[in-house]
Amino acid sequence: MIKVLLVLHKALSNREDLLKKLEEELNLLSKVMGPDSIYAVIPSEMKDLFDRFPELVFIRNDKGSFLYGLYKGLRKLRGNHVLVLDPVERLTKEKLAQVLSAGKKNVLSKGWALLRLMDLDYVIRTVEKYREKEGSMEEILEEVYKEYGIKYEIV
């Protein structure tokens, strides 16, 4: 089963259009994936999201950085396929269909990554090394490829 992980971080707290984008994405995701499959990692600056989106399962991001939030979320969702989403990038039905049709591949694109269960522990180990730094999903998956030889299809 695929779980969806929205990674929110401090840099997003100043965005005015964030709530509108989140509402649109959550509406689409809950229709396609089911409302019980959606998790959000949030920093303490975004506590107002608890009231705004009660259907989400929230995970605390103590440091507020993207990589630390990714680490916390992936640890929580260990044992599942995980679709990691950056809420800044717009998710459309077409992109979601592309993700779901990926089969048994790990897929990376701007704003999202699909991490398969059998490779998830390697990704978590790599993120753990870099969790105190700033970085992106692309950099992490490049490190996973260098260390473990696990390839990701870029679309």
N, C-alpha and C. Protein backbone atom coordinates (compact mmCIF):
# COMPACT_ATOMS: atom_id res chain seq x y z
N MET A 1 0.84 -1.18 0.00
CA MET A 1 0.00 0.00 0.00
C MET A 1 0.88 1.24 0.00
N ILE A 2 0.50 2.24 -0.76
CA ILE A 2 1.27 3.47 -0.85
C ILE A 2 0.74 4.47 0.16
N LYS A 3 1.66 5.04 0.94
CA LYS A 3 1.35 6.13 1.86
C LYS A 3 1.90 7.42 1.27
N VAL A 4 1.20 8.51 1.50
CA VAL A 4 1.60 9.81 0.99
C VAL A 4 2.19 10.62 2.14
N LEU A 5 3.35 11.22 1.90
CA LEU A 5 4.03 12.02 2.91
C LEU A 5 4.23 13.44 2.38
N LEU A 6 3.54 14.39 2.98
CA LEU A 6 3.73 15.80 2.66
C LEU A 6 4.78 16.34 3.62
N VAL A 7 5.87 16.88 3.10
CA VAL A 7 6.94 17.39 3.95
C VAL A 7 6.88 18.91 3.94
N LEU A 8 6.42 19.47 5.06
CA LEU A 8 6.37 20.92 5.23
C LEU A 8 7.55 21.34 6.09
N HIS A 9 8.11 22.51 5.79
CA HIS A 9 9.27 22.98 6.55
C HIS A 9 9.15 24.48 6.77
N LYS A 10 10.05 25.03 7.60
CA LYS A 10 9.97 26.44 8.00
C LYS A 10 9.93 27.40 6.82
N ALA A 11 10.66 27.09 5.78
CA ALA A 11 10.73 28.00 4.62
C ALA A 11 9.36 28.20 3.98
N LEU A 12 8.45 27.26 4.19
CA LEU A 12 7.11 27.37 3.59
C LEU A 12 6.15 28.18 4.44
N SER A 13 6.50 28.48 5.68
CA SER A 13 5.55 29.14 6.58
C SER A 13 5.19 30.55 6.14
N ASN A 14 5.99 31.18 5.29
CA ASN A 14 5.70 32.53 4.82
C ASN A 14 4.88 32.56 3.54
N ARG A 15 4.62 31.42 2.95
CA ARG A 15 3.89 31.38 1.68
C ARG A 15 2.41 31.60 1.91
N GLU A 16 1.85 32.56 1.22
CA GLU A 16 0.43 32.89 1.39
C GLU A 16 -0.48 31.88 0.69
N ASP A 17 -0.02 31.33 -0.41
CA ASP A 17 -0.85 30.41 -1.20
C ASP A 17 -0.74 28.96 -0.74
N LEU A 18 0.00 28.71 0.34
CA LEU A 18 0.23 27.35 0.80
C LEU A 18 -1.06 26.64 1.19
N LEU A 19 -1.93 27.29 1.94
CA LEU A 19 -3.17 26.65 2.39
C LEU A 19 -4.06 26.27 1.22
N LYS A 20 -4.14 27.14 0.24
CA LYS A 20 -4.98 26.86 -0.93
C LYS A 20 -4.43 25.66 -1.70
N LYS A 21 -3.11 25.63 -1.89
CA LYS A 21 -2.49 24.50 -2.59
C LYS A 21 -2.66 23.20 -1.81
N LEU A 22 -2.50 23.28 -0.50
CA LEU A 22 -2.68 22.09 0.33
C LEU A 22 -4.11 21.56 0.23
N GLU A 23 -5.08 22.44 0.26
CA GLU A 23 -6.48 22.02 0.15
C GLU A 23 -6.74 21.31 -1.17
N GLU A 24 -6.22 21.86 -2.27
CA GLU A 24 -6.41 21.25 -3.59
C GLU A 24 -5.74 19.88 -3.65
N GLU A 25 -4.50 19.80 -3.17
CA GLU A 25 -3.77 18.53 -3.21
C GLU A 25 -4.43 17.48 -2.33
N LEU A 26 -4.84 17.87 -1.15
CA LEU A 26 -5.47 16.92 -0.24
C LEU A 26 -6.80 16.42 -0.78
N ASN A 27 -7.52 17.28 -1.45
CA ASN A 27 -8.78 16.88 -2.06
C ASN A 27 -8.53 15.79 -3.11
N LEU A 28 -7.56 16.02 -3.98
CA LEU A 28 -7.21 15.05 -5.01
C LEU A 28 -6.67 13.75 -4.40
N LEU A 29 -5.75 13.89 -3.45
CA LEU A 29 -5.14 12.71 -2.83
C LEU A 29 -6.14 11.86 -2.06
N SER A 30 -7.05 12.50 -1.35
CA SER A 30 -8.01 11.72 -0.57
C SER A 30 -8.99 10.98 -1.47
N LYS A 31 -9.27 11.53 -2.64
CA LYS A 31 -10.14 10.82 -3.60
C LYS A 31 -9.44 9.61 -4.20
N VAL A 32 -8.18 9.78 -4.54
CA VAL A 32 -7.45 8.72 -5.24
C VAL A 32 -6.82 7.71 -4.27
N MET A 33 -6.14 8.20 -3.24
CA MET A 33 -5.38 7.33 -2.34
C MET A 33 -6.16 6.92 -1.09
N GLY A 34 -7.16 7.69 -0.74
CA GLY A 34 -7.89 7.45 0.50
C GLY A 34 -7.39 8.37 1.59
N PRO A 35 -8.28 8.89 2.42
CA PRO A 35 -7.88 9.87 3.44
C PRO A 35 -6.98 9.31 4.54
N ASP A 36 -7.02 8.01 4.76
CA ASP A 36 -6.21 7.43 5.84
C ASP A 36 -4.78 7.12 5.40
N SER A 37 -4.42 7.46 4.18
CA SER A 37 -3.08 7.19 3.66
C SER A 37 -2.22 8.45 3.58
N ILE A 38 -2.71 9.56 4.11
CA ILE A 38 -2.02 10.84 3.94
C ILE A 38 -1.43 11.30 5.27
N TYR A 39 -0.13 11.56 5.26
CA TYR A 39 0.60 12.01 6.44
C TYR A 39 1.28 13.34 6.11
N ALA A 40 1.42 14.19 7.11
CA ALA A 40 2.08 15.48 6.91
C ALA A 40 3.08 15.71 8.03
N VAL A 41 4.29 16.08 7.64
CA VAL A 41 5.32 16.45 8.60
C VAL A 41 5.29 17.97 8.68
N ILE A 42 5.08 18.51 9.90
CA ILE A 42 4.96 19.96 10.02
C ILE A 42 5.88 20.49 11.12
N PRO A 43 6.43 21.70 10.91
CA PRO A 43 7.20 22.35 11.97
C PRO A 43 6.25 23.01 12.98
N SER A 44 6.76 23.42 14.09
CA SER A 44 5.92 24.01 15.13
C SER A 44 5.27 25.32 14.69
N GLU A 45 5.83 25.99 13.70
CA GLU A 45 5.25 27.25 13.20
C GLU A 45 3.93 27.02 12.47
N MET A 46 3.62 25.81 12.12
CA MET A 46 2.40 25.52 11.35
C MET A 46 1.36 24.74 12.15
N LYS A 47 1.32 24.95 13.44
CA LYS A 47 0.38 24.21 14.29
C LYS A 47 -1.08 24.48 13.94
N ASP A 48 -1.35 25.59 13.28
CA ASP A 48 -2.73 25.91 12.89
C ASP A 48 -3.29 24.91 11.88
N LEU A 49 -2.44 24.12 11.26
CA LEU A 49 -2.90 23.12 10.30
C LEU A 49 -3.66 21.98 10.97
N PHE A 50 -3.44 21.78 12.27
CA PHE A 50 -4.19 20.75 13.00
C PHE A 50 -5.69 20.98 12.88
N ASP A 51 -6.10 22.22 13.09
CA ASP A 51 -7.53 22.55 13.03
C ASP A 51 -8.03 22.61 11.60
N ARG A 52 -7.19 23.05 10.71
CA ARG A 52 -7.58 23.24 9.31
C ARG A 52 -7.76 21.91 8.57
N PHE A 53 -6.92 20.93 8.88
CA PHE A 53 -6.95 19.63 8.19
C PHE A 53 -6.98 18.49 9.22
N PRO A 54 -8.11 18.27 9.87
CA PRO A 54 -8.17 17.24 10.92
C PRO A 54 -8.04 15.81 10.38
N GLU A 55 -8.22 15.61 9.07
CA GLU A 55 -8.14 14.27 8.50
C GLU A 55 -6.70 13.79 8.31
N LEU A 56 -5.74 14.69 8.40
CA LEU A 56 -4.34 14.32 8.22
C LEU A 56 -3.76 13.69 9.48
N VAL A 57 -2.77 12.84 9.28
CA VAL A 57 -1.98 12.33 10.38
C VAL A 57 -0.71 13.19 10.41
N PHE A 58 -0.48 13.87 11.53
CA PHE A 58 0.64 14.80 11.62
C PHE A 58 1.84 14.18 12.32
N ILE A 59 3.01 14.54 11.81
CA ILE A 59 4.28 14.12 12.39
C ILE A 59 5.07 15.40 12.67
N ARG A 60 5.65 15.50 13.83
CA ARG A 60 6.35 16.72 14.24
C ARG A 60 7.73 16.82 13.61
N ASN A 61 8.04 18.00 13.09
CA ASN A 61 9.35 18.31 12.54
C ASN A 61 10.02 19.29 13.50
N ASP A 62 10.80 18.77 14.46
CA ASP A 62 11.38 19.60 15.51
C ASP A 62 12.37 20.64 14.98
N LYS A 63 13.15 20.27 14.00
CA LYS A 63 14.19 21.17 13.49
C LYS A 63 13.66 22.16 12.45
N GLY A 64 12.59 21.79 11.76
CA GLY A 64 12.00 22.68 10.77
C GLY A 64 12.61 22.58 9.38
N SER A 65 13.64 21.76 9.19
CA SER A 65 14.27 21.66 7.86
C SER A 65 13.60 20.56 7.04
N PHE A 66 13.79 20.63 5.73
CA PHE A 66 13.20 19.63 4.84
C PHE A 66 13.74 18.24 5.13
N LEU A 67 15.05 18.10 5.22
CA LEU A 67 15.65 16.77 5.40
C LEU A 67 15.30 16.15 6.74
N TYR A 68 15.24 16.95 7.79
CA TYR A 68 14.86 16.40 9.09
C TYR A 68 13.40 15.93 9.05
N GLY A 69 12.54 16.73 8.41
CA GLY A 69 11.14 16.32 8.26
C GLY A 69 11.00 15.07 7.43
N LEU A 70 11.78 14.97 6.38
CA LEU A 70 11.77 13.77 5.54
C LEU A 70 12.21 12.56 6.35
N TYR A 71 13.25 12.72 7.14
CA TYR A 71 13.74 11.62 7.98
C TYR A 71 12.66 11.15 8.94
N LYS A 72 12.04 12.08 9.64
CA LYS A 72 11.00 11.72 10.62
C LYS A 72 9.83 11.02 9.93
N GLY A 73 9.42 11.54 8.79
CA GLY A 73 8.29 10.95 8.07
C GLY A 73 8.58 9.57 7.53
N LEU A 74 9.75 9.38 6.95
CA LEU A 74 10.11 8.07 6.40
C LEU A 74 10.26 7.04 7.50
N ARG A 75 10.79 7.45 8.64
CA ARG A 75 10.90 6.51 9.77
C ARG A 75 9.52 6.06 10.22
N LYS A 76 8.58 6.99 10.25
CA LYS A 76 7.22 6.66 10.67
C LYS A 76 6.53 5.73 9.68
N LEU A 77 6.81 5.91 8.40
CA LEU A 77 6.12 5.15 7.35
C LEU A 77 6.92 3.94 6.87
N ARG A 78 7.96 3.59 7.58
CA ARG A 78 8.76 2.41 7.24
C ARG A 78 7.83 1.20 7.16
N GLY A 79 8.00 0.39 6.12
CA GLY A 79 7.13 -0.77 5.94
C GLY A 79 6.07 -0.55 4.88
N ASN A 80 6.11 0.59 4.20
CA ASN A 80 5.16 0.92 3.14
C ASN A 80 5.90 1.53 1.96
N HIS A 81 5.26 1.52 0.80
CA HIS A 81 5.74 2.34 -0.30
C HIS A 81 5.38 3.77 0.09
N VAL A 82 6.26 4.74 -0.20
CA VAL A 82 6.00 6.11 0.22
C VAL A 82 6.10 7.05 -0.97
N LEU A 83 5.07 7.86 -1.13
CA LEU A 83 5.07 8.94 -2.12
C LEU A 83 5.37 10.22 -1.36
N VAL A 84 6.55 10.79 -1.57
CA VAL A 84 6.97 12.01 -0.88
C VAL A 84 6.59 13.19 -1.77
N LEU A 85 5.87 14.16 -1.19
CA LEU A 85 5.43 15.32 -1.94
C LEU A 85 5.96 16.60 -1.33
N ASP A 86 6.37 17.50 -2.21
CA ASP A 86 6.72 18.86 -1.81
C ASP A 86 5.48 19.71 -2.10
N PRO A 87 4.86 20.29 -1.09
CA PRO A 87 3.60 21.00 -1.30
C PRO A 87 3.72 22.25 -2.19
N VAL A 88 4.93 22.71 -2.46
CA VAL A 88 5.09 23.88 -3.32
C VAL A 88 4.76 23.53 -4.77
N GLU A 89 5.15 22.34 -5.19
CA GLU A 89 4.87 21.91 -6.56
C GLU A 89 3.42 21.45 -6.68
N ARG A 90 2.80 21.78 -7.76
CA ARG A 90 1.40 21.44 -7.98
C ARG A 90 1.27 19.99 -8.43
N LEU A 91 0.40 19.25 -7.77
CA LEU A 91 0.14 17.86 -8.12
C LEU A 91 -1.14 17.81 -8.95
N THR A 92 -1.08 17.22 -10.12
CA THR A 92 -2.25 17.09 -10.97
C THR A 92 -2.66 15.63 -11.08
N LYS A 93 -3.83 15.40 -11.64
CA LYS A 93 -4.28 14.02 -11.83
C LYS A 93 -3.32 13.27 -12.74
N GLU A 94 -2.80 13.96 -13.74
CA GLU A 94 -1.88 13.32 -14.69
C GLU A 94 -0.59 12.89 -13.99
N LYS A 95 -0.05 13.77 -13.15
CA LYS A 95 1.17 13.42 -12.42
C LYS A 95 0.92 12.25 -11.47
N LEU A 96 -0.23 12.28 -10.81
CA LEU A 96 -0.56 11.20 -9.88
C LEU A 96 -0.72 9.88 -10.62
N ALA A 97 -1.34 9.92 -11.78
CA ALA A 97 -1.48 8.71 -12.59
C ALA A 97 -0.12 8.18 -13.03
N GLN A 98 0.78 9.09 -13.35
CA GLN A 98 2.14 8.72 -13.76
C GLN A 98 2.86 8.03 -12.59
N VAL A 99 2.65 8.53 -11.40
CA VAL A 99 3.26 7.93 -10.22
C VAL A 99 2.72 6.53 -9.98
N LEU A 100 1.41 6.41 -10.01
CA LEU A 100 0.78 5.14 -9.70
C LEU A 100 1.03 4.08 -10.76
N SER A 101 1.35 4.49 -11.97
CA SER A 101 1.63 3.53 -13.03
C SER A 101 3.11 3.17 -13.11
N ALA A 102 3.91 3.62 -12.17
CA ALA A 102 5.36 3.39 -12.20
C ALA A 102 5.73 1.93 -11.98
N GLY A 103 4.80 1.14 -11.50
CA GLY A 103 5.12 -0.27 -11.27
C GLY A 103 6.04 -0.44 -10.09
N LYS A 104 7.09 -1.23 -10.26
CA LYS A 104 8.01 -1.51 -9.16
C LYS A 104 9.25 -0.65 -9.20
N LYS A 105 9.17 0.50 -9.88
CA LYS A 105 10.32 1.38 -10.00
C LYS A 105 10.27 2.47 -8.94
N ASN A 106 11.44 2.94 -8.57
CA ASN A 106 11.56 4.15 -7.77
C ASN A 106 11.59 5.30 -8.75
N VAL A 107 10.76 6.31 -8.51
CA VAL A 107 10.62 7.39 -9.48
C VAL A 107 10.87 8.72 -8.79
N LEU A 108 11.55 9.62 -9.48
CA LEU A 108 11.85 10.95 -8.97
C LEU A 108 11.45 11.98 -10.01
N SER A 109 10.80 13.03 -9.57
CA SER A 109 10.44 14.13 -10.44
C SER A 109 10.48 15.40 -9.60
N LYS A 110 10.34 16.53 -10.25
CA LYS A 110 10.34 17.80 -9.52
C LYS A 110 9.11 17.87 -8.62
N GLY A 111 9.34 17.90 -7.34
CA GLY A 111 8.24 18.03 -6.40
C GLY A 111 7.73 16.74 -5.79
N TRP A 112 8.17 15.59 -6.28
CA TRP A 112 7.72 14.32 -5.69
C TRP A 112 8.70 13.19 -5.98
N ALA A 113 8.60 12.17 -5.16
CA ALA A 113 9.41 10.96 -5.34
C ALA A 113 8.61 9.78 -4.82
N LEU A 114 8.65 8.69 -5.54
CA LEU A 114 8.01 7.45 -5.11
C LEU A 114 9.10 6.50 -4.67
N LEU A 115 9.09 6.14 -3.39
CA LEU A 115 10.11 5.28 -2.81
C LEU A 115 9.49 3.93 -2.51
N ARG A 116 10.03 2.89 -3.11
CA ARG A 116 9.51 1.54 -2.92
C ARG A 116 10.00 0.94 -1.63
N LEU A 117 9.20 0.05 -1.08
CA LEU A 117 9.44 -0.56 0.22
C LEU A 117 10.82 -1.19 0.35
N MET A 118 11.24 -1.94 -0.67
CA MET A 118 12.50 -2.66 -0.53
C MET A 118 13.73 -1.74 -0.51
N ASP A 119 13.59 -0.50 -0.97
CA ASP A 119 14.70 0.44 -0.96
C ASP A 119 14.58 1.49 0.13
N LEU A 120 13.49 1.49 0.85
CA LEU A 120 13.21 2.56 1.81
C LEU A 120 14.24 2.62 2.94
N ASP A 121 14.69 1.49 3.44
CA ASP A 121 15.68 1.51 4.53
C ASP A 121 16.99 2.16 4.10
N TYR A 122 17.38 1.97 2.85
CA TYR A 122 18.60 2.59 2.35
C TYR A 122 18.44 4.11 2.26
N VAL A 123 17.27 4.54 1.85
CA VAL A 123 17.00 5.98 1.77
C VAL A 123 17.00 6.57 3.19
N ILE A 124 16.39 5.88 4.13
CA ILE A 124 16.35 6.37 5.51
C ILE A 124 17.76 6.49 6.08
N ARG A 125 18.60 5.49 5.85
CA ARG A 125 19.99 5.55 6.33
C ARG A 125 20.74 6.74 5.75
N THR A 126 20.51 7.00 4.47
CA THR A 126 21.18 8.13 3.82
C THR A 126 20.66 9.45 4.35
N VAL A 127 19.36 9.59 4.52
CA VAL A 127 18.80 10.83 5.05
C VAL A 127 19.28 11.06 6.47
N GLU A 128 19.44 9.98 7.23
CA GLU A 128 19.90 10.09 8.61
C GLU A 128 21.27 10.76 8.69
N LYS A 129 22.13 10.48 7.73
CA LYS A 129 23.46 11.10 7.71
C LYS A 129 23.40 12.59 7.46
N TYR A 130 22.42 13.04 6.66
CA TYR A 130 22.34 14.43 6.23
C TYR A 130 21.21 15.21 6.88
N ARG A 131 20.54 14.64 7.87
CA ARG A 131 19.32 15.26 8.41
C ARG A 131 19.55 16.60 9.09
N GLU A 132 20.77 16.89 9.53
CA GLU A 132 21.05 18.17 10.19
C GLU A 132 21.39 19.27 9.17
N LYS A 133 21.49 18.92 7.92
CA LYS A 133 21.87 19.88 6.87
C LYS A 133 20.65 20.24 6.04
N GLU A 134 20.82 21.21 5.17
CA GLU A 134 19.78 21.54 4.20
C GLU A 134 20.10 20.78 2.92
N GLY A 135 19.07 20.35 2.24
CA GLY A 135 19.28 19.61 1.00
C GLY A 135 17.95 19.31 0.34
N SER A 136 18.02 18.57 -0.76
CA SER A 136 16.82 18.26 -1.52
C SER A 136 16.70 16.75 -1.70
N MET A 137 15.56 16.34 -2.18
CA MET A 137 15.31 14.93 -2.43
C MET A 137 16.26 14.41 -3.52
N GLU A 138 16.53 15.24 -4.51
CA GLU A 138 17.42 14.84 -5.60
C GLU A 138 18.82 14.52 -5.08
N GLU A 139 19.32 15.36 -4.17
CA GLU A 139 20.65 15.14 -3.60
C GLU A 139 20.70 13.84 -2.80
N ILE A 140 19.64 13.58 -2.05
CA ILE A 140 19.59 12.36 -1.24
C ILE A 140 19.58 11.13 -2.14
N LEU A 141 18.76 11.15 -3.17
CA LEU A 141 18.68 9.98 -4.05
C LEU A 141 19.96 9.78 -4.86
N GLU A 142 20.67 10.86 -5.13
CA GLU A 142 21.98 10.75 -5.77
C GLU A 142 22.96 10.04 -4.84
N GLU A 143 22.91 10.38 -3.56
CA GLU A 143 23.76 9.71 -2.57
C GLU A 143 23.39 8.23 -2.41
N VAL A 144 22.08 7.93 -2.45
CA VAL A 144 21.64 6.53 -2.37
C VAL A 144 22.20 5.74 -3.54
N TYR A 145 22.20 6.36 -4.71
CA TYR A 145 22.75 5.69 -5.90
C TYR A 145 24.26 5.46 -5.74
N LYS A 146 24.97 6.48 -5.24
CA LYS A 146 26.43 6.35 -5.07
C LYS A 146 26.78 5.28 -4.04
N GLU A 147 26.06 5.25 -2.93
CA GLU A 147 26.40 4.33 -1.84
C GLU A 147 25.90 2.91 -2.06
N TYR A 148 24.68 2.77 -2.59
CA TYR A 148 24.05 1.46 -2.65
C TYR A 148 23.75 0.98 -4.07
N GLY A 149 23.94 1.84 -5.06
CA GLY A 149 23.69 1.45 -6.44
C GLY A 149 22.22 1.34 -6.80
N ILE A 150 21.34 1.93 -6.00
CA ILE A 150 19.90 1.87 -6.27
C ILE A 150 19.54 3.00 -7.21
N LYS A 151 18.98 2.63 -8.35
CA LYS A 151 18.66 3.62 -9.37
C LYS A 151 17.24 4.14 -9.22
N TYR A 152 17.06 5.37 -9.65
CA TYR A 152 15.76 6.02 -9.66
C TYR A 152 15.49 6.54 -11.05
N GLU A 153 14.31 6.27 -11.52
CA GLU A 153 13.90 6.78 -12.82
C GLU A 153 13.48 8.23 -12.65
N ILE A 154 14.03 9.10 -13.47
CA ILE A 154 13.69 10.52 -13.40
C ILE A 154 12.71 10.84 -14.51
N VAL A 155 11.56 11.39 -14.13
CA VAL A 155 10.55 11.76 -15.13
C VAL A 155 10.27 13.23 -15.09
